[in-house]
PDB file of N, CA and C in Angstrom:
ATOM      1  N   MET A   1      -5.933  21.431  19.251  1.00  0.00           N
ATOM      2  CA  MET A   1      -6.187  20.953  17.717  1.00  0.00           C
ATOM      3  C   MET A   1      -5.047  21.256  16.836  1.00  0.00           C
ATOM      4  N   GLU A   2      -4.255  22.076  17.372  1.00  0.00           N
ATOM      5  CA  GLU A   2      -3.048  22.133  16.444  1.00  0.00           C
ATOM      6  C   GLU A   2      -2.142  20.797  16.766  1.00  0.00           C
ATOM      7  N   LYS A   3      -2.289  20.799  17.745  1.00  0.00           N
ATOM      8  CA  LYS A   3      -1.248  19.319  18.432  1.00  0.00           C
ATOM      9  C   LYS A   3      -1.697  18.114  17.756  1.00  0.00           C
ATOM     10  N   LYS A   4      -3.157  17.807  17.414  1.00  0.00           N
ATOM     11  CA  LYS A   4      -3.811  16.707  16.833  1.00  0.00           C
ATOM     12  C   LYS A   4      -3.225  16.693  15.324  1.00  0.00           C
ATOM     13  N   ARG A   5      -3.293  17.885  14.932  1.00  0.00           N
ATOM     14  CA  ARG A   5      -3.135  17.778  13.189  1.00  0.00           C
ATOM     15  C   ARG A   5      -1.647  17.869  12.850  1.00  0.00           C
ATOM     16  N   ASN A   6      -0.485  18.316  13.933  1.00  0.00           N
ATOM     17  CA  ASN A   6       1.008  17.802  13.926  1.00  0.00           C
ATOM     18  C   ASN A   6       1.064  16.286  13.903  1.00  0.00           C
ATOM     19  N   LYS A   7       0.546  15.723  14.872  1.00  0.00           N
ATOM     20  CA  LYS A   7       0.434  14.314  15.131  1.00  0.00           C
ATOM     21  C   LYS A   7      -0.054  13.610  13.679  1.00  0.00           C
ATOM     22  N   ALA A   8      -1.162  13.839  13.465  1.00  0.00           N
ATOM     23  CA  ALA A   8      -1.532  13.079  12.243  1.00  0.00           C
ATOM     24  C   ALA A   8      -0.607  13.414  10.794  1.00  0.00           C
ATOM     25  N   HIS A   9      -0.013  14.585  10.757  1.00  0.00           N
ATOM     26  CA  HIS A   9       0.742  14.777   9.730  1.00  0.00           C
ATOM     27  C   HIS A   9       1.940  13.903  10.092  1.00  0.00           C
ATOM     28  N   GLY A  10       2.590  13.913  11.004  1.00  0.00           N
ATOM     29  CA  GLY A  10       3.842  13.082  11.132  1.00  0.00           C
ATOM     30  C   GLY A  10       3.451  11.724  11.188  1.00  0.00           C
ATOM     31  N   MET A  11       2.530  11.268  11.284  1.00  0.00           N
ATOM     32  CA  MET A  11       2.298   9.862  11.512  1.00  0.00           C
ATOM     33  C   MET A  11       1.677   9.548   9.771  1.00  0.00           C
ATOM     34  N   TYR A  12       1.393  10.421   8.996  1.00  0.00           N
ATOM     35  CA  TYR A  12       1.169  10.126   7.688  1.00  0.00           C
ATOM     36  C   TYR A  12       2.393  10.159   6.872  1.00  0.00           C
ATOM     37  N   ALA A  13       3.529  10.730   7.503  1.00  0.00           N
ATOM     38  CA  ALA A  13       4.485  11.029   6.949  1.00  0.00           C
ATOM     39  C   ALA A  13       5.465   9.434   7.018  1.00  0.00           C
ATOM     40  N   LEU A  14       5.258   9.109   8.220  1.00  0.00           N
ATOM     41  CA  LEU A  14       5.582   7.657   8.677  1.00  0.00           C
ATOM     42  C   LEU A  14       4.986   6.556   8.022  1.00  0.00           C
ATOM     43  N   MET A  15       3.701   6.708   7.684  1.00  0.00           N
ATOM     44  CA  MET A  15       2.980   5.538   6.673  1.00  0.00           C
ATOM     45  C   MET A  15       3.571   5.694   5.236  1.00  0.00           C
ATOM     46  N   GLU A  16       3.774   6.911   4.979  1.00  0.00           N
ATOM     47  CA  GLU A  16       4.350   7.275   3.520  1.00  0.00           C
ATOM     48  C   GLU A  16       5.661   6.465   3.412  1.00  0.00           C
ATOM     49  N   ALA A  17       6.341   6.687   4.245  1.00  0.00           N
ATOM     50  CA  ALA A  17       7.835   5.925   4.470  1.00  0.00           C
ATOM     51  C   ALA A  17       7.581   4.304   4.457  1.00  0.00           C
ATOM     52  N   TYR A  18       6.585   3.994   5.177  1.00  0.00           N
ATOM     53  CA  TYR A  18       6.322   2.332   5.428  1.00  0.00           C
ATOM     54  C   TYR A  18       6.130   1.998   3.904  1.00  0.00           C
ATOM     55  N   GLU A  19       5.006   2.718   3.438  1.00  0.00           N
ATOM     56  CA  GLU A  19       4.722   2.100   1.817  1.00  0.00           C
ATOM     57  C   GLU A  19       5.875   2.177   0.998  1.00  0.00           C
ATOM     58  N   ARG A  20       6.600   3.026   1.031  1.00  0.00           N
ATOM     59  CA  ARG A  20       7.816   3.081   0.358  1.00  0.00           C
ATOM     60  C   ARG A  20       9.010   1.940   0.571  1.00  0.00           C
ATOM     61  N   SER A  21       8.795   1.597   1.823  1.00  0.00           N
ATOM     62  CA  SER A  21      10.103   0.796   2.238  1.00  0.00           C
ATOM     63  C   SER A  21      10.181  -0.489   2.015  1.00  0.00           C
ATOM     64  N   GLY A  22       8.937  -1.133   1.640  1.00  0.00           N
ATOM     65  CA  GLY A  22       8.736  -2.619   1.168  1.00  0.00           C
ATOM     66  C   GLY A  22       8.916  -3.446   2.386  1.00  0.00           C
ATOM     67  N   LYS A  23       9.090  -3.208   3.544  1.00  0.00           N
ATOM     68  CA  LYS A  23       9.180  -3.875   4.635  1.00  0.00           C
ATOM     69  C   LYS A  23       7.904  -4.493   5.162  1.00  0.00           C
ATOM     70  N   LYS A  24       8.203  -5.483   6.034  1.00  0.00           N
ATOM     71  CA  LYS A  24       6.938  -5.871   6.611  1.00  0.00           C
ATOM     72  C   LYS A  24       6.431  -5.260   7.844  1.00  0.00           C
ATOM     73  N   GLN A  25       5.365  -4.990   8.243  1.00  0.00           N
ATOM     74  CA  GLN A  25       4.636  -4.220   9.453  1.00  0.00           C
ATOM     75  C   GLN A  25       5.482  -4.536  10.620  1.00  0.00           C
ATOM     76  N   ARG A  26       5.747  -5.619  10.983  1.00  0.00           N
ATOM     77  CA  ARG A  26       6.429  -5.797  12.442  1.00  0.00           C
ATOM     78  C   ARG A  26       7.808  -5.505  12.398  1.00  0.00           C
ATOM     79  N   GLU A  27       8.481  -5.620  11.225  1.00  0.00           N
ATOM     80  CA  GLU A  27       9.905  -5.083  10.896  1.00  0.00           C
ATOM     81  C   GLU A  27       9.915  -3.595  11.072  1.00  0.00           C
ATOM     82  N   PHE A  28       9.086  -2.747  10.289  1.00  0.00           N
ATOM     83  CA  PHE A  28       9.033  -1.540  10.469  1.00  0.00           C
ATOM     84  C   PHE A  28       8.763  -1.009  11.539  1.00  0.00           C
ATOM     85  N   CYS A  29       7.679  -1.175  12.486  1.00  0.00           N
ATOM     86  CA  CYS A  29       7.216  -1.129  13.751  1.00  0.00           C
ATOM     87  C   CYS A  29       8.469  -1.375  14.522  1.00  0.00           C
ATOM     88  N   GLN A  30       9.224  -2.356  14.678  1.00  0.00           N
ATOM     89  CA  GLN A  30      10.261  -2.437  15.434  1.00  0.00           C
ATOM     90  C   GLN A  30      11.503  -1.086  15.350  1.00  0.00           C
ATOM     91  N   GLU A  31      11.677  -0.959  13.912  1.00  0.00           N
ATOM     92  CA  GLU A  31      12.570  -0.042  13.640  1.00  0.00           C
ATOM     93  C   GLU A  31      12.036   1.423  14.179  1.00  0.00           C
ATOM     94  N   GLN A  32      11.005   1.669  14.155  1.00  0.00           N
ATOM     95  CA  GLN A  32      10.309   2.893  14.336  1.00  0.00           C
ATOM     96  C   GLN A  32      10.175   2.939  15.658  1.00  0.00           C
ATOM     97  N   GLY A  33      10.008   1.960  16.480  1.00  0.00           N
ATOM     98  CA  GLY A  33       9.828   1.889  18.242  1.00  0.00           C
ATOM     99  C   GLY A  33       8.294   2.119  18.236  1.00  0.00           C
ATOM    100  N   ILE A  34       7.513   1.900  17.203  1.00  0.00           N
ATOM    101  CA  ILE A  34       5.909   2.177  17.621  1.00  0.00           C
ATOM    102  C   ILE A  34       5.043   0.624  17.666  1.00  0.00           C
ATOM    103  N   LYS A  35       4.045   0.847  18.687  1.00  0.00           N
ATOM    104  CA  LYS A  35       3.490  -0.419  18.600  1.00  0.00           C
ATOM    105  C   LYS A  35       2.582  -0.822  17.421  1.00  0.00           C
ATOM    106  N   LYS A  36       2.647  -2.178  17.250  1.00  0.00           N
ATOM    107  CA  LYS A  36       1.766  -2.722  16.189  1.00  0.00           C
ATOM    108  C   LYS A  36       0.344  -2.158  16.100  1.00  0.00           C
ATOM    109  N   ALA A  37      -0.322  -2.153  17.407  1.00  0.00           N
ATOM    110  CA  ALA A  37      -1.680  -1.808  17.202  1.00  0.00           C
ATOM    111  C   ALA A  37      -1.960  -0.075  16.693  1.00  0.00           C
ATOM    112  N   THR A  38      -1.007   0.536  17.278  1.00  0.00           N
ATOM    113  CA  THR A  38      -0.871   2.041  16.794  1.00  0.00           C
ATOM    114  C   THR A  38      -0.562   2.082  15.348  1.00  0.00           C
ATOM    115  N   PHE A  39       0.257   1.470  14.855  1.00  0.00           N
ATOM    116  CA  PHE A  39       0.703   1.431  13.862  1.00  0.00           C
ATOM    117  C   PHE A  39      -0.533   1.208  12.440  1.00  0.00           C
ATOM    118  N   GLY A  40      -1.369   0.051  13.273  1.00  0.00           N
ATOM    119  CA  GLY A  40      -2.458  -0.535  12.538  1.00  0.00           C
ATOM    120  C   GLY A  40      -3.380   0.609  12.217  1.00  0.00           C
ATOM    121  N   TYR A  41      -3.804   1.253  13.623  1.00  0.00           N
ATOM    122  CA  TYR A  41      -4.628   2.390  13.478  1.00  0.00           C
ATOM    123  C   TYR A  41      -4.303   3.207  12.273  1.00  0.00           C
ATOM    124  N   TRP A  42      -3.199   3.943  12.477  1.00  0.00           N
ATOM    125  CA  TRP A  42      -2.561   5.068  11.642  1.00  0.00           C
ATOM    126  C   TRP A  42      -2.681   4.614  10.052  1.00  0.00           C
ATOM    127  N   LEU A  43      -2.254   3.139  10.109  1.00  0.00           N
ATOM    128  CA  LEU A  43      -2.263   3.035   8.504  1.00  0.00           C
ATOM    129  C   LEU A  43      -3.496   2.855   7.915  1.00  0.00           C
ATOM    130  N   ARG A  44      -4.402   2.392   8.617  1.00  0.00           N
ATOM    131  CA  ARG A  44      -5.851   2.385   7.997  1.00  0.00           C
ATOM    132  C   ARG A  44      -6.338   3.875   7.929  1.00  0.00           C
ATOM    133  N   LYS A  45      -6.324   4.669   8.725  1.00  0.00           N
ATOM    134  CA  LYS A  45      -6.616   6.272   8.609  1.00  0.00           C
ATOM    135  C   LYS A  45      -5.613   6.770   7.407  1.00  0.00           C
ATOM    136  N   TYR A  46      -4.813   6.226   7.152  1.00  0.00           N
ATOM    137  CA  TYR A  46      -3.790   6.941   6.103  1.00  0.00           C
ATOM    138  C   TYR A  46      -4.623   6.142   4.771  1.00  0.00           C
ATOM    139  N   ARG A  47      -4.797   4.958   5.051  1.00  0.00           N
ATOM    140  CA  ARG A  47      -5.061   4.347   3.464  1.00  0.00           C
ATOM    141  C   ARG A  47      -6.747   4.757   3.094  1.00  0.00           C
ATOM    142  N   SER A  48      -7.326   5.377   4.256  1.00  0.00           N
ATOM    143  CA  SER A  48      -9.031   5.343   4.034  1.00  0.00           C
ATOM    144  C   SER A  48      -9.092   6.944   3.446  1.00  0.00           C
ATOM    145  N   ARG A  49      -8.048   7.744   3.617  1.00  0.00           N
ATOM    146  CA  ARG A  49      -8.024   8.876   3.233  1.00  0.00           C
ATOM    147  C   ARG A  49      -7.923   9.132   1.780  1.00  0.00           C
ATOM    148  N   GLU A  50      -7.079   7.731   1.040  1.00  0.00           N
ATOM    149  CA  GLU A  50      -6.655   7.894  -0.214  1.00  0.00           C
ATOM    150  C   GLU A  50      -8.201   7.545  -1.013  1.00  0.00           C
ATOM    151  N   THR A  51      -8.949   7.125  -0.317  1.00  0.00           N
ATOM    152  CA  THR A  51     -10.566   6.434  -1.013  1.00  0.00           C
ATOM    153  C   THR A  51     -11.331   7.737  -1.035  1.00  0.00           C
ATOM    154  N   ASP A  52     -11.694   8.054  -2.161  1.00  0.00           N
ATOM    155  CA  ASP A  52     -12.782   8.981  -2.243  1.00  0.00           C
ATOM    156  C   ASP A  52     -14.104   8.853  -2.254  1.00  0.00           C
ATOM    157  N   ALA A  53     -15.088   9.651  -2.091  1.00  0.00           N
ATOM    158  CA  ALA A  53     -16.241   9.497  -1.604  1.00  0.00           C
ATOM    159  C   ALA A  53     -17.136   8.156  -2.541  1.00  0.00           C
ATOM    160  N   LEU A  54     -16.616   8.089  -3.791  1.00  0.00           N
ATOM    161  CA  LEU A  54     -17.228   6.830  -4.509  1.00  0.00           C
ATOM    162  C   LEU A  54     -16.615   5.670  -4.452  1.00  0.00           C
ATOM    163  N   GLY A  55     -15.572   5.471  -3.604  1.00  0.00           N
ATOM    164  CA  GLY A  55     -14.991   4.015  -3.370  1.00  0.00           C
ATOM    165  C   GLY A  55     -13.836   3.948  -4.304  1.00  0.00           C
ATOM    166  N   PHE A  56     -13.483   4.954  -4.644  1.00  0.00           N
ATOM    167  CA  PHE A  56     -12.211   4.719  -5.808  1.00  0.00           C
ATOM    168  C   PHE A  56     -10.992   5.043  -5.081  1.00  0.00           C
ATOM    169  N   VAL A  57      -9.641   4.115  -5.534  1.00  0.00           N
ATOM    170  CA  VAL A  57      -8.583   4.178  -4.939  1.00  0.00           C
ATOM    171  C   VAL A  57      -7.456   4.717  -6.093  1.00  0.00           C
ATOM    172  N   LYS A  58      -6.664   5.498  -5.701  1.00  0.00           N
ATOM    173  CA  LYS A  58      -5.398   5.810  -6.342  1.00  0.00           C
ATOM    174  C   LYS A  58      -4.652   4.850  -6.666  1.00  0.00           C
ATOM    175  N   ILE A  59      -4.267   4.536  -7.846  1.00  0.00           N
ATOM    176  CA  ILE A  59      -3.391   3.308  -8.288  1.00  0.00           C
ATOM    177  C   ILE A  59      -2.227   3.919  -9.043  1.00  0.00           C
ATOM    178  N   GLU A  60      -1.396   2.975  -8.994  1.00  0.00           N
ATOM    179  CA  GLU A  60      -0.115   3.399  -9.990  1.00  0.00           C
ATOM    180  C   GLU A  60       0.107   2.581 -10.773  1.00  0.00           C
ATOM    181  N   VAL A  61       0.224   3.066 -12.153  1.00  0.00           N
ATOM    182  CA  VAL A  61       0.436   1.902 -13.171  1.00  0.00           C
ATOM    183  C   VAL A  61       2.100   2.127 -13.707  1.00  0.00           C
ATOM    184  N   ASN A  62       2.710   1.300 -13.690  1.00  0.00           N
ATOM    185  CA  ASN A  62       4.208   1.126 -14.179  1.00  0.00           C
ATOM    186  C   ASN A  62       4.363   0.249 -15.550  1.00  0.00           C
ATOM    187  N   THR A  63       5.198   0.867 -16.316  1.00  0.00           N
ATOM    188  CA  THR A  63       5.162   0.343 -17.319  1.00  0.00           C
ATOM    189  C   THR A  63       6.348  -1.180 -17.171  1.00  0.00           C
ATOM    190  N   LEU A  64       5.892  -2.209 -18.193  1.00  0.00           N
ATOM    191  CA  LEU A  64       6.449  -3.485 -18.295  1.00  0.00           C
ATOM    192  C   LEU A  64       7.959  -3.114 -18.357  1.00  0.00           C
ATOM    193  N   LYS A  65       8.950  -3.595 -17.528  1.00  0.00           N
ATOM    194  CA  LYS A  65      10.074  -3.597 -17.691  1.00  0.00           C
ATOM    195  C   LYS A  65      10.568  -4.814 -18.646  1.00  0.00           C
ATOM    196  N   LYS A  66      11.690  -4.384 -19.434  1.00  0.00           N
ATOM    197  CA  LYS A  66      12.198  -5.250 -20.373  1.00  0.00           C
ATOM    198  C   LYS A  66      12.709  -6.540 -19.881  1.00  0.00           C
ATOM    199  N   SER A  67      13.497  -6.536 -18.702  1.00  0.00           N
ATOM    200  CA  SER A  67      13.755  -7.801 -18.281  1.00  0.00           C
ATOM    201  C   SER A  67      13.181  -7.846 -16.742  1.00  0.00           C
ATOM    202  N   LEU A  68      12.419  -9.042 -16.800  1.00  0.00           N
ATOM    203  CA  LEU A  68      11.861  -9.287 -15.522  1.00  0.00           C
ATOM    204  C   LEU A  68      12.413  -9.710 -14.215  1.00  0.00           C
ATOM    205  N   GLY A  69      13.587  -9.517 -14.383  1.00  0.00           N
ATOM    206  CA  GLY A  69      14.840 -10.423 -13.209  1.00  0.00           C
ATOM    207  C   GLY A  69      14.556  -9.195 -12.220  1.00  0.00           C
ATOM    208  N   ASP A  70      14.313  -7.769 -12.732  1.00  0.00           N
ATOM    209  CA  ASP A  70      14.579  -6.892 -11.270  1.00  0.00           C
ATOM    210  C   ASP A  70      12.869  -6.590 -10.835  1.00  0.00           C
ATOM    211  N   THR A  71      11.950  -7.438 -11.354  1.00  0.00           N
ATOM    212  CA  THR A  71      10.646  -7.376 -10.616  1.00  0.00           C
ATOM    213  C   THR A  71      10.486  -8.793  -9.843  1.00  0.00           C
ATOM    214  N   GLY A  72      11.263  -9.622 -10.035  1.00  0.00           N
ATOM    215  CA  GLY A  72      10.978 -10.903  -9.096  1.00  0.00           C
ATOM    216  C   GLY A  72      10.062 -11.557 -10.146  1.00  0.00           C
ATOM    217  N   GLY A  73       9.935 -11.258 -11.370  1.00  0.00           N
ATOM    218  CA  GLY A  73       9.087 -12.282 -12.328  1.00  0.00           C
ATOM    219  C   GLY A  73       7.381 -11.629 -12.234  1.00  0.00           C
ATOM    220  N   VAL A  74       7.455 -10.661 -11.342  1.00  0.00           N
ATOM    221  CA  VAL A  74       6.196 -10.208 -11.247  1.00  0.00           C
ATOM    222  C   VAL A  74       5.561  -9.000 -12.255  1.00  0.00           C
ATOM    223  N   ILE A  75       4.363  -9.581 -13.063  1.00  0.00           N
ATOM    224  CA  ILE A  75       4.233  -8.730 -14.290  1.00  0.00           C
ATOM    225  C   ILE A  75       3.305  -7.780 -13.895  1.00  0.00           C
ATOM    226  N   ILE A  76       2.172  -8.002 -12.805  1.00  0.00           N
ATOM    227  CA  ILE A  76       0.880  -7.409 -12.296  1.00  0.00           C
ATOM    228  C   ILE A  76       1.045  -7.276 -10.908  1.00  0.00           C
ATOM    229  N   GLU A  77       0.889  -6.566 -10.374  1.00  0.00           N
ATOM    230  CA  GLU A  77       0.641  -6.457  -8.713  1.00  0.00           C
ATOM    231  C   GLU A  77      -0.558  -5.602  -8.376  1.00  0.00           C
ATOM    232  N   ILE A  78      -1.249  -6.071  -7.677  1.00  0.00           N
ATOM    233  CA  ILE A  78      -2.454  -5.293  -6.766  1.00  0.00           C
ATOM    234  C   ILE A  78      -2.249  -5.089  -5.496  1.00  0.00           C
ATOM    235  N   GLN A  79      -2.412  -3.956  -4.871  1.00  0.00           N
ATOM    236  CA  GLN A  79      -2.407  -3.918  -3.635  1.00  0.00           C
ATOM    237  C   GLN A  79      -3.408  -2.899  -3.243  1.00  0.00           C
ATOM    238  N   TYR A  80      -4.131  -3.768  -2.126  1.00  0.00           N
ATOM    239  CA  TYR A  80      -5.606  -3.043  -1.789  1.00  0.00           C
ATOM    240  C   TYR A  80      -5.287  -2.562  -0.675  1.00  0.00           C
ATOM    241  N   PRO A  81      -6.164  -1.412  -0.223  1.00  0.00           N
ATOM    242  CA  PRO A  81      -6.112  -0.472   0.809  1.00  0.00           C
ATOM    243  C   PRO A  81      -5.785  -1.033   2.287  1.00  0.00           C
ATOM    244  N   GLN A  82      -6.277  -2.220   2.294  1.00  0.00           N
ATOM    245  CA  GLN A  82      -6.144  -2.898   3.496  1.00  0.00           C
ATOM    246  C   GLN A  82      -4.826  -3.641   3.715  1.00  0.00           C
ATOM    247  N   GLY A  83      -4.128  -3.574   2.900  1.00  0.00           N
ATOM    248  CA  GLY A  83      -2.652  -4.175   2.586  1.00  0.00           C
ATOM    249  C   GLY A  83      -2.524  -5.230   1.865  1.00  0.00           C
ATOM    250  N   HIS A  84      -3.906  -6.491   1.385  1.00  0.00           N
ATOM    251  CA  HIS A  84      -3.496  -7.452   0.634  1.00  0.00           C
ATOM    252  C   HIS A  84      -2.735  -7.294  -0.397  1.00  0.00           C
ATOM    253  N   VAL A  85      -2.207  -8.020  -0.810  1.00  0.00           N
ATOM    254  CA  VAL A  85      -1.390  -8.052  -2.311  1.00  0.00           C
ATOM    255  C   VAL A  85      -1.538  -9.195  -3.419  1.00  0.00           C
ATOM    256  N   VAL A  86      -2.002  -8.918  -4.418  1.00  0.00           N
ATOM    257  CA  VAL A  86      -2.130 -10.149  -5.222  1.00  0.00           C
ATOM    258  C   VAL A  86      -1.102  -9.773  -6.532  1.00  0.00           C
ATOM    259  N   ARG A  87      -0.466 -10.739  -6.694  1.00  0.00           N
ATOM    260  CA  ARG A  87       0.774 -10.933  -7.706  1.00  0.00           C
ATOM    261  C   ARG A  87       0.480 -11.696  -8.615  1.00  0.00           C
ATOM    262  N   PHE A  88       0.733 -11.153 -10.316  1.00  0.00           N
ATOM    263  CA  PHE A  88       0.298 -12.146 -11.091  1.00  0.00           C
ATOM    264  C   PHE A  88       1.813 -12.394 -11.951  1.00  0.00           C
ATOM    265  N   HIS A  89       2.295 -13.561 -12.140  1.00  0.00           N
ATOM    266  CA  HIS A  89       3.641 -13.463 -12.811  1.00  0.00           C
ATOM    267  C   HIS A  89       3.515 -14.046 -14.485  1.00  0.00           C
ATOM    268  N   GLU A  90       2.291 -13.903 -14.820  1.00  0.00           N
ATOM    269  CA  GLU A  90       2.212 -13.898 -16.202  1.00  0.00           C
ATOM    270  C   GLU A  90       0.982 -12.934 -16.605  1.00  0.00           C
ATOM    271  N   LEU A  91       0.745 -12.316 -17.818  1.00  0.00           N
ATOM    272  CA  LEU A  91      -0.179 -11.408 -18.405  1.00  0.00           C
ATOM    273  C   LEU A  91      -1.524 -12.341 -18.270  1.00  0.00           C
ATOM    274  N   VAL A  92      -2.635 -11.767 -17.672  1.00  0.00           N
ATOM    275  CA  VAL A  92      -4.021 -12.433 -17.652  1.00  0.00           C
ATOM    276  C   VAL A  92      -4.925 -11.587 -18.332  1.00  0.00           C
ATOM    277  N   PRO A  93      -5.976 -12.004 -18.755  1.00  0.00           N
ATOM    278  CA  PRO A  93      -6.997 -11.168 -19.598  1.00  0.00           C
ATOM    279  C   PRO A  93      -7.931 -10.233 -18.494  1.00  0.00           C
ATOM    280  N   ALA A  94      -7.904  -9.032 -19.142  1.00  0.00           N
ATOM    281  CA  ALA A  94      -8.758  -8.100 -18.351  1.00  0.00           C
ATOM    282  C   ALA A  94      -9.964  -8.297 -17.532  1.00  0.00           C
ATOM    283  N   ALA A  95     -10.819  -9.506 -17.939  1.00  0.00           N
ATOM    284  CA  ALA A  95     -11.964  -9.747 -17.603  1.00  0.00           C
ATOM    285  C   ALA A  95     -11.497 -10.481 -16.409  1.00  0.00           C
ATOM    286  N   TYR A  96     -10.474 -11.313 -16.181  1.00  0.00           N
ATOM    287  CA  TYR A  96     -10.346 -11.637 -15.060  1.00  0.00           C
ATOM    288  C   TYR A  96      -9.579 -11.134 -14.063  1.00  0.00           C
ATOM    289  N   LEU A  97      -8.801  -9.743 -14.204  1.00  0.00           N
ATOM    290  CA  LEU A  97      -8.529  -8.987 -13.362  1.00  0.00           C
ATOM    291  C   LEU A  97      -9.533  -8.230 -12.802  1.00  0.00           C
ATOM    292  N   ARG A  98     -10.675  -7.922 -13.744  1.00  0.00           N
ATOM    293  CA  ARG A  98     -11.738  -7.482 -13.167  1.00  0.00           C
ATOM    294  C   ARG A  98     -12.304  -8.398 -12.243  1.00  0.00           C
ATOM    295  N   SER A  99     -12.643  -9.662 -12.239  1.00  0.00           N
ATOM    296  CA  SER A  99     -13.359 -10.377 -11.260  1.00  0.00           C
ATOM    297  C   SER A  99     -12.431 -10.223 -10.073  1.00  0.00           C
ATOM    298  N   VAL A 100     -11.057 -10.131 -10.326  1.00  0.00           N
ATOM    299  CA  VAL A 100     -10.175 -10.386  -8.837  1.00  0.00           C
ATOM    300  C   VAL A 100     -10.213  -9.218  -8.039  1.00  0.00           C
ATOM    301  N   VAL A 101     -10.621  -7.821  -8.827  1.00  0.00           N
ATOM    302  CA  VAL A 101     -10.767  -6.395  -8.195  1.00  0.00           C
ATOM    303  C   VAL A 101     -12.057  -6.369  -7.299  1.00  0.00           C
ATOM    304  N   LYS A 102     -13.101  -6.750  -7.931  1.00  0.00           N
ATOM    305  CA  LYS A 102     -14.564  -6.978  -7.342  1.00  0.00           C
ATOM    306  C   LYS A 102     -14.522  -7.493  -5.914  1.00  0.00           C
TER     307      LYS A 102
END
């Protein structure tokens, strides 16, 4: 049982490193020497533990930067637990954001 816990802890640390890296999954897997299928399994497991019983997901809110040059012109970015990303390059009404998130 302890061995399983240690493996999970190590894989979660690897998933955190992936999330911070900004790299594509294939590139990250090659660098780390793990199979894409194994990576996918642990990433789903890692992300599912971030969702609570009501289905809410932890979000990060970053303030709008004065210069959009260092954001690539992205003003709003939504990253779903499954890895899908939606980016807006201009401000949009809250009602529209709500419809996208549903």
